[in-house]
Amino acid sequence: MSKYLYKQYVRVVAKWPRDQYKSRERDLAVFLSREVERQFRSDRSTFDAGLCERRLRGKLLLKRCCY
């Protein structure tokens, strides 16, 4: 299940538009990419699949509505 969620997160983040006018430290796409890597590399015992799915749905909704 976590491999599936990780792939879904990576796909969403890869499609997120990058802001060419902001530095890499302030770009939301770069932040999301780093945050996904950090969350999925952290301790597996605290992994909550339901929470990850809800966050993924939220990111998908943001991407559809805002961009």
PDB file of N, CA and C in Angstrom:
ATOM      1  N   MET A   1       0.811  -1.192   0.000  1.00  0.00           N
ATOM      2  CA  MET A   1       0.000   0.000   0.000  1.00  0.00           C
ATOM      3  C   MET A   1       0.857   1.260   0.000  1.00  0.00           C
ATOM      4  N   SER A   2       1.927   1.269   0.758  1.00  0.00           N
ATOM      5  CA  SER A   2       2.747   2.478   0.821  1.00  0.00           C
ATOM      6  C   SER A   2       3.464   2.746  -0.500  1.00  0.00           C
ATOM      7  N   LYS A   3       3.821   1.695  -1.233  1.00  0.00           N
ATOM      8  CA  LYS A   3       4.455   1.905  -2.542  1.00  0.00           C
ATOM      9  C   LYS A   3       3.480   2.579  -3.499  1.00  0.00           C
ATOM     10  N   TYR A   4       2.234   2.144  -3.447  1.00  0.00           N
ATOM     11  CA  TYR A   4       1.202   2.738  -4.297  1.00  0.00           C
ATOM     12  C   TYR A   4       1.012   4.213  -3.952  1.00  0.00           C
ATOM     13  N   LEU A   5       0.891   4.514  -2.673  1.00  0.00           N
ATOM     14  CA  LEU A   5       0.714   5.903  -2.256  1.00  0.00           C
ATOM     15  C   LEU A   5       1.914   6.760  -2.627  1.00  0.00           C
ATOM     16  N   TYR A   6       3.102   6.217  -2.453  1.00  0.00           N
ATOM     17  CA  TYR A   6       4.311   6.963  -2.807  1.00  0.00           C
ATOM     18  C   TYR A   6       4.300   7.307  -4.296  1.00  0.00           C
ATOM     19  N   LYS A   7       3.959   6.338  -5.135  1.00  0.00           N
ATOM     20  CA  LYS A   7       3.911   6.591  -6.580  1.00  0.00           C
ATOM     21  C   LYS A   7       2.873   7.655  -6.914  1.00  0.00           C
ATOM     22  N   GLN A   8       1.719   7.604  -6.258  1.00  0.00           N
ATOM     23  CA  GLN A   8       0.682   8.596  -6.504  1.00  0.00           C
ATOM     24  C   GLN A   8       1.152   9.997  -6.103  1.00  0.00           C
ATOM     25  N   TYR A   9       1.789  10.094  -4.951  1.00  0.00           N
ATOM     26  CA  TYR A   9       2.328  11.386  -4.511  1.00  0.00           C
ATOM     27  C   TYR A   9       3.365  11.912  -5.502  1.00  0.00           C
ATOM     28  N   VAL A  10       4.253  11.054  -5.936  1.00  0.00           N
ATOM     29  CA  VAL A  10       5.304  11.482  -6.865  1.00  0.00           C
ATOM     30  C   VAL A  10       4.689  11.971  -8.172  1.00  0.00           C
ATOM     31  N   ARG A  11       3.661  11.305  -8.645  1.00  0.00           N
ATOM     32  CA  ARG A  11       2.996  11.734  -9.887  1.00  0.00           C
ATOM     33  C   ARG A  11       2.348  13.102  -9.734  1.00  0.00           C
ATOM     34  N   VAL A  12       1.675  13.318  -8.622  1.00  0.00           N
ATOM     35  CA  VAL A  12       1.024  14.609  -8.389  1.00  0.00           C
ATOM     36  C   VAL A  12       2.063  15.716  -8.282  1.00  0.00           C
ATOM     37  N   VAL A  13       3.105  15.477  -7.514  1.00  0.00           N
ATOM     38  CA  VAL A  13       4.140  16.497  -7.318  1.00  0.00           C
ATOM     39  C   VAL A  13       4.884  16.780  -8.620  1.00  0.00           C
ATOM     40  N   ALA A  14       5.094  15.768  -9.443  1.00  0.00           N
ATOM     41  CA  ALA A  14       5.800  15.971 -10.715  1.00  0.00           C
ATOM     42  C   ALA A  14       5.000  16.869 -11.657  1.00  0.00           C
ATOM     43  N   LYS A  15       3.682  16.826 -11.558  1.00  0.00           N
ATOM     44  CA  LYS A  15       2.836  17.648 -12.427  1.00  0.00           C
ATOM     45  C   LYS A  15       2.581  19.040 -11.858  1.00  0.00           C
ATOM     46  N   TRP A  16       2.989  19.247 -10.608  1.00  0.00           N
ATOM     47  CA  TRP A  16       2.755  20.540  -9.974  1.00  0.00           C
ATOM     48  C   TRP A  16       3.584  21.603 -10.681  1.00  0.00           C
ATOM     49  N   PRO A  17       2.981  22.723 -11.058  1.00  0.00           N
ATOM     50  CA  PRO A  17       3.735  23.755 -11.794  1.00  0.00           C
ATOM     51  C   PRO A  17       4.798  24.422 -10.928  1.00  0.00           C
ATOM     52  N   ARG A  18       5.946  24.639 -11.515  1.00  0.00           N
ATOM     53  CA  ARG A  18       7.045  25.312 -10.818  1.00  0.00           C
ATOM     54  C   ARG A  18       6.981  26.808 -11.137  1.00  0.00           C
ATOM     55  N   ASP A  19       7.280  27.599 -10.141  1.00  0.00           N
ATOM     56  CA  ASP A  19       7.251  29.047 -10.295  1.00  0.00           C
ATOM     57  C   ASP A  19       8.649  29.524 -10.663  1.00  0.00           C
ATOM     58  N   GLN A  20       8.797  30.001 -11.874  1.00  0.00           N
ATOM     59  CA  GLN A  20      10.120  30.411 -12.348  1.00  0.00           C
ATOM     60  C   GLN A  20      10.594  31.713 -11.714  1.00  0.00           C
ATOM     61  N   TYR A  21       9.692  32.435 -11.072  1.00  0.00           N
ATOM     62  CA  TYR A  21      10.052  33.721 -10.486  1.00  0.00           C
ATOM     63  C   TYR A  21      10.454  33.630  -9.013  1.00  0.00           C
ATOM     64  N   LYS A  22      10.324  32.448  -8.442  1.00  0.00           N
ATOM     65  CA  LYS A  22      10.697  32.263  -7.041  1.00  0.00           C
ATOM     66  C   LYS A  22      11.949  31.413  -6.942  1.00  0.00           C
ATOM     67  N   SER A  23      12.674  31.616  -5.863  1.00  0.00           N
ATOM     68  CA  SER A  23      13.853  30.782  -5.637  1.00  0.00           C
ATOM     69  C   SER A  23      13.395  29.373  -5.275  1.00  0.00           C
ATOM     70  N   ARG A  24      14.301  28.416  -5.359  1.00  0.00           N
ATOM     71  CA  ARG A  24      13.953  27.027  -5.069  1.00  0.00           C
ATOM     72  C   ARG A  24      13.492  26.846  -3.623  1.00  0.00           C
ATOM     73  N   GLU A  25      13.972  27.688  -2.724  1.00  0.00           N
ATOM     74  CA  GLU A  25      13.574  27.586  -1.325  1.00  0.00           C
ATOM     75  C   GLU A  25      12.130  28.030  -1.104  1.00  0.00           C
ATOM     76  N   ARG A  26      11.597  28.848  -2.003  1.00  0.00           N
ATOM     77  CA  ARG A  26      10.247  29.385  -1.841  1.00  0.00           C
ATOM     78  C   ARG A  26       9.238  28.762  -2.791  1.00  0.00           C
ATOM     79  N   ASP A  27       9.663  27.883  -3.663  1.00  0.00           N
ATOM     80  CA  ASP A  27       8.783  27.277  -4.661  1.00  0.00           C
ATOM     81  C   ASP A  27       7.977  26.140  -4.030  1.00  0.00           C
ATOM     82  N   LEU A  28       6.662  26.176  -4.185  1.00  0.00           N
ATOM     83  CA  LEU A  28       5.791  25.168  -3.588  1.00  0.00           C
ATOM     84  C   LEU A  28       6.046  23.780  -4.166  1.00  0.00           C
ATOM     85  N   ALA A  29       6.312  23.677  -5.446  1.00  0.00           N
ATOM     86  CA  ALA A  29       6.566  22.373  -6.064  1.00  0.00           C
ATOM     87  C   ALA A  29       7.810  21.717  -5.475  1.00  0.00           C
ATOM     88  N   VAL A  30       8.843  22.485  -5.258  1.00  0.00           N
ATOM     89  CA  VAL A  30      10.075  21.957  -4.664  1.00  0.00           C
ATOM     90  C   VAL A  30       9.821  21.552  -3.216  1.00  0.00           C
ATOM     91  N   PHE A  31       9.084  22.376  -2.493  1.00  0.00           N
ATOM     92  CA  PHE A  31       8.758  22.044  -1.107  1.00  0.00           C
ATOM     93  C   PHE A  31       7.966  20.741  -1.030  1.00  0.00           C
ATOM     94  N   LEU A  32       6.961  20.592  -1.883  1.00  0.00           N
ATOM     95  CA  LEU A  32       6.153  19.371  -1.873  1.00  0.00           C
ATOM     96  C   LEU A  32       6.995  18.146  -2.184  1.00  0.00           C
ATOM     97  N   SER A  33       7.884  18.270  -3.143  1.00  0.00           N
ATOM     98  CA  SER A  33       8.752  17.147  -3.499  1.00  0.00           C
ATOM     99  C   SER A  33       9.624  16.733  -2.317  1.00  0.00           C
ATOM    100  N   ARG A  34      10.222  17.709  -1.658  1.00  0.00           N
ATOM    101  CA  ARG A  34      11.066  17.407  -0.491  1.00  0.00           C
ATOM    102  C   ARG A  34      10.248  16.817   0.655  1.00  0.00           C
ATOM    103  N   GLU A  35       9.048  17.344   0.843  1.00  0.00           N
ATOM    104  CA  GLU A  35       8.199  16.865   1.935  1.00  0.00           C
ATOM    105  C   GLU A  35       7.748  15.420   1.703  1.00  0.00           C
ATOM    106  N   VAL A  36       7.433  15.074   0.468  1.00  0.00           N
ATOM    107  CA  VAL A  36       7.054  13.687   0.148  1.00  0.00           C
ATOM    108  C   VAL A  36       8.214  12.755   0.450  1.00  0.00           C
ATOM    109  N   GLU A  37       9.403  13.129   0.016  1.00  0.00           N
ATOM    110  CA  GLU A  37      10.577  12.297   0.291  1.00  0.00           C
ATOM    111  C   GLU A  37      10.794  12.140   1.798  1.00  0.00           C
ATOM    112  N   ARG A  38      10.658  13.224   2.533  1.00  0.00           N
ATOM    113  CA  ARG A  38      10.879  13.181   3.977  1.00  0.00           C
ATOM    114  C   ARG A  38       9.839  12.308   4.673  1.00  0.00           C
ATOM    115  N   GLN A  39       8.591  12.446   4.288  1.00  0.00           N
ATOM    116  CA  GLN A  39       7.524  11.688   4.942  1.00  0.00           C
ATOM    117  C   GLN A  39       7.632  10.193   4.676  1.00  0.00           C
ATOM    118  N   PHE A  40       7.973   9.825   3.462  1.00  0.00           N
ATOM    119  CA  PHE A  40       8.027   8.405   3.138  1.00  0.00           C
ATOM    120  C   PHE A  40       9.328   7.748   3.578  1.00  0.00           C
ATOM    121  N   ARG A  41      10.342   8.536   3.877  1.00  0.00           N
ATOM    122  CA  ARG A  41      11.589   7.962   4.399  1.00  0.00           C
ATOM    123  C   ARG A  41      11.590   7.883   5.915  1.00  0.00           C
ATOM    124  N   SER A  42      10.626   8.514   6.549  1.00  0.00           N
ATOM    125  CA  SER A  42      10.583   8.498   8.017  1.00  0.00           C
ATOM    126  C   SER A  42      10.180   7.115   8.521  1.00  0.00           C
ATOM    127  N   ASP A  43      10.076   6.994   9.801  1.00  0.00           N
ATOM    128  CA  ASP A  43       9.798   5.720  10.468  1.00  0.00           C
ATOM    129  C   ASP A  43       8.510   5.089   9.944  1.00  0.00           C
ATOM    130  N   ARG A  44       8.588   3.843   9.526  1.00  0.00           N
ATOM    131  CA  ARG A  44       7.443   3.127   8.959  1.00  0.00           C
ATOM    132  C   ARG A  44       6.387   2.765  10.006  1.00  0.00           C
ATOM    133  N   SER A  45       6.757   2.686  11.270  1.00  0.00           N
ATOM    134  CA  SER A  45       5.799   2.282  12.296  1.00  0.00           C
ATOM    135  C   SER A  45       4.717   3.339  12.519  1.00  0.00           C
ATOM    136  N   THR A  46       4.986   4.581  12.146  1.00  0.00           N
ATOM    137  CA  THR A  46       4.001   5.640  12.327  1.00  0.00           C
ATOM    138  C   THR A  46       3.236   5.932  11.044  1.00  0.00           C
ATOM    139  N   PHE A  47       3.350   5.083  10.048  1.00  0.00           N
ATOM    140  CA  PHE A  47       2.705   5.289   8.756  1.00  0.00           C
ATOM    141  C   PHE A  47       1.197   5.111   8.893  1.00  0.00           C
ATOM    142  N   ASP A  48       0.429   6.115   8.496  1.00  0.00           N
ATOM    143  CA  ASP A  48      -1.029   6.068   8.537  1.00  0.00           C
ATOM    144  C   ASP A  48      -1.541   6.198   7.107  1.00  0.00           C
ATOM    145  N   ALA A  49      -1.965   5.085   6.522  1.00  0.00           N
ATOM    146  CA  ALA A  49      -2.390   5.067   5.124  1.00  0.00           C
ATOM    147  C   ALA A  49      -3.611   5.956   4.902  1.00  0.00           C
ATOM    148  N   GLY A  50      -4.538   5.957   5.833  1.00  0.00           N
ATOM    149  CA  GLY A  50      -5.736   6.783   5.689  1.00  0.00           C
ATOM    150  C   GLY A  50      -5.408   8.262   5.633  1.00  0.00           C
ATOM    151  N   LEU A  51      -4.514   8.696   6.493  1.00  0.00           N
ATOM    152  CA  LEU A  51      -4.097  10.094   6.502  1.00  0.00           C
ATOM    153  C   LEU A  51      -3.382  10.451   5.201  1.00  0.00           C
ATOM    154  N   CYS A  52      -2.531   9.568   4.730  1.00  0.00           N
ATOM    155  CA  CYS A  52      -1.817   9.816   3.472  1.00  0.00           C
ATOM    156  C   CYS A  52      -2.785   9.927   2.301  1.00  0.00           C
ATOM    157  N   GLU A  53      -3.800   9.081   2.269  1.00  0.00           N
ATOM    158  CA  GLU A  53      -4.783   9.138   1.186  1.00  0.00           C
ATOM    159  C   GLU A  53      -5.586  10.434   1.238  1.00  0.00           C
ATOM    160  N   ARG A  54      -5.963  10.874   2.432  1.00  0.00           N
ATOM    161  CA  ARG A  54      -6.705  12.133   2.558  1.00  0.00           C
ATOM    162  C   ARG A  54      -5.849  13.313   2.106  1.00  0.00           C
ATOM    163  N   ARG A  55      -4.586  13.315   2.475  1.00  0.00           N
ATOM    164  CA  ARG A  55      -3.689  14.398   2.052  1.00  0.00           C
ATOM    165  C   ARG A  55      -3.495  14.387   0.542  1.00  0.00           C
ATOM    166  N   LEU A  56      -3.391  13.203  -0.033  1.00  0.00           N
ATOM    167  CA  LEU A  56      -3.232  13.093  -1.481  1.00  0.00           C
ATOM    168  C   LEU A  56      -4.467  13.644  -2.190  1.00  0.00           C
ATOM    169  N   ARG A  57      -5.653  13.276  -1.718  1.00  0.00           N
ATOM    170  CA  ARG A  57      -6.884  13.805  -2.314  1.00  0.00           C
ATOM    171  C   ARG A  57      -6.934  15.328  -2.200  1.00  0.00           C
ATOM    172  N   GLY A  58      -6.483  15.860  -1.082  1.00  0.00           N
ATOM    173  CA  GLY A  58      -6.452  17.306  -0.912  1.00  0.00           C
ATOM    174  C   GLY A  58      -5.522  17.983  -1.902  1.00  0.00           C
ATOM    175  N   LYS A  59      -4.361  17.394  -2.121  1.00  0.00           N
ATOM    176  CA  LYS A  59      -3.417  17.958  -3.089  1.00  0.00           C
ATOM    177  C   LYS A  59      -3.975  17.882  -4.504  1.00  0.00           C
ATOM    178  N   LEU A  60      -4.663  16.790  -4.819  1.00  0.00           N
ATOM    179  CA  LEU A  60      -5.279  16.666  -6.136  1.00  0.00           C
ATOM    180  C   LEU A  60      -6.352  17.736  -6.327  1.00  0.00           C
ATOM    181  N   LEU A  61      -7.156  17.976  -5.306  1.00  0.00           N
ATOM    182  CA  LEU A  61      -8.181  19.016  -5.396  1.00  0.00           C
ATOM    183  C   LEU A  61      -7.557  20.393  -5.563  1.00  0.00           C
ATOM    184  N   LEU A  62      -6.508  20.673  -4.817  1.00  0.00           N
ATOM    185  CA  LEU A  62      -5.818  21.958  -4.966  1.00  0.00           C
ATOM    186  C   LEU A  62      -5.278  22.137  -6.371  1.00  0.00           C
ATOM    187  N   LYS A  63      -4.676  21.101  -6.897  1.00  0.00           N
ATOM    188  CA  LYS A  63      -4.090  21.182  -8.230  1.00  0.00           C
ATOM    189  C   LYS A  63      -5.167  21.428  -9.279  1.00  0.00           C
ATOM    190  N   ARG A  64      -6.292  20.755  -9.157  1.00  0.00           N
ATOM    191  CA  ARG A  64      -7.376  20.911 -10.136  1.00  0.00           C
ATOM    192  C   ARG A  64      -8.019  22.287 -10.055  1.00  0.00           C
ATOM    193  N   CYS A  65      -8.206  22.797  -8.854  1.00  0.00           N
ATOM    194  CA  CYS A  65      -8.913  24.066  -8.674  1.00  0.00           C
ATOM    195  C   CYS A  65      -8.032  25.279  -8.949  1.00  0.00           C
ATOM    196  N   CYS A  66      -6.785  25.194  -8.586  1.00  0.00           N
ATOM    197  CA  CYS A  66      -5.921  26.374  -8.651  1.00  0.00           C
ATOM    198  C   CYS A  66      -5.148  26.499  -9.947  1.00  0.00           C
ATOM    199  N   TYR A  67      -4.877  25.403 -10.615  1.00  0.00           N
ATOM    200  CA  TYR A  67      -4.026  25.490 -11.791  1.00  0.00           C
ATOM    201  C   TYR A  67      -4.755  24.994 -12.988  1.00  0.00           C
TER     202      TYR A  67
END
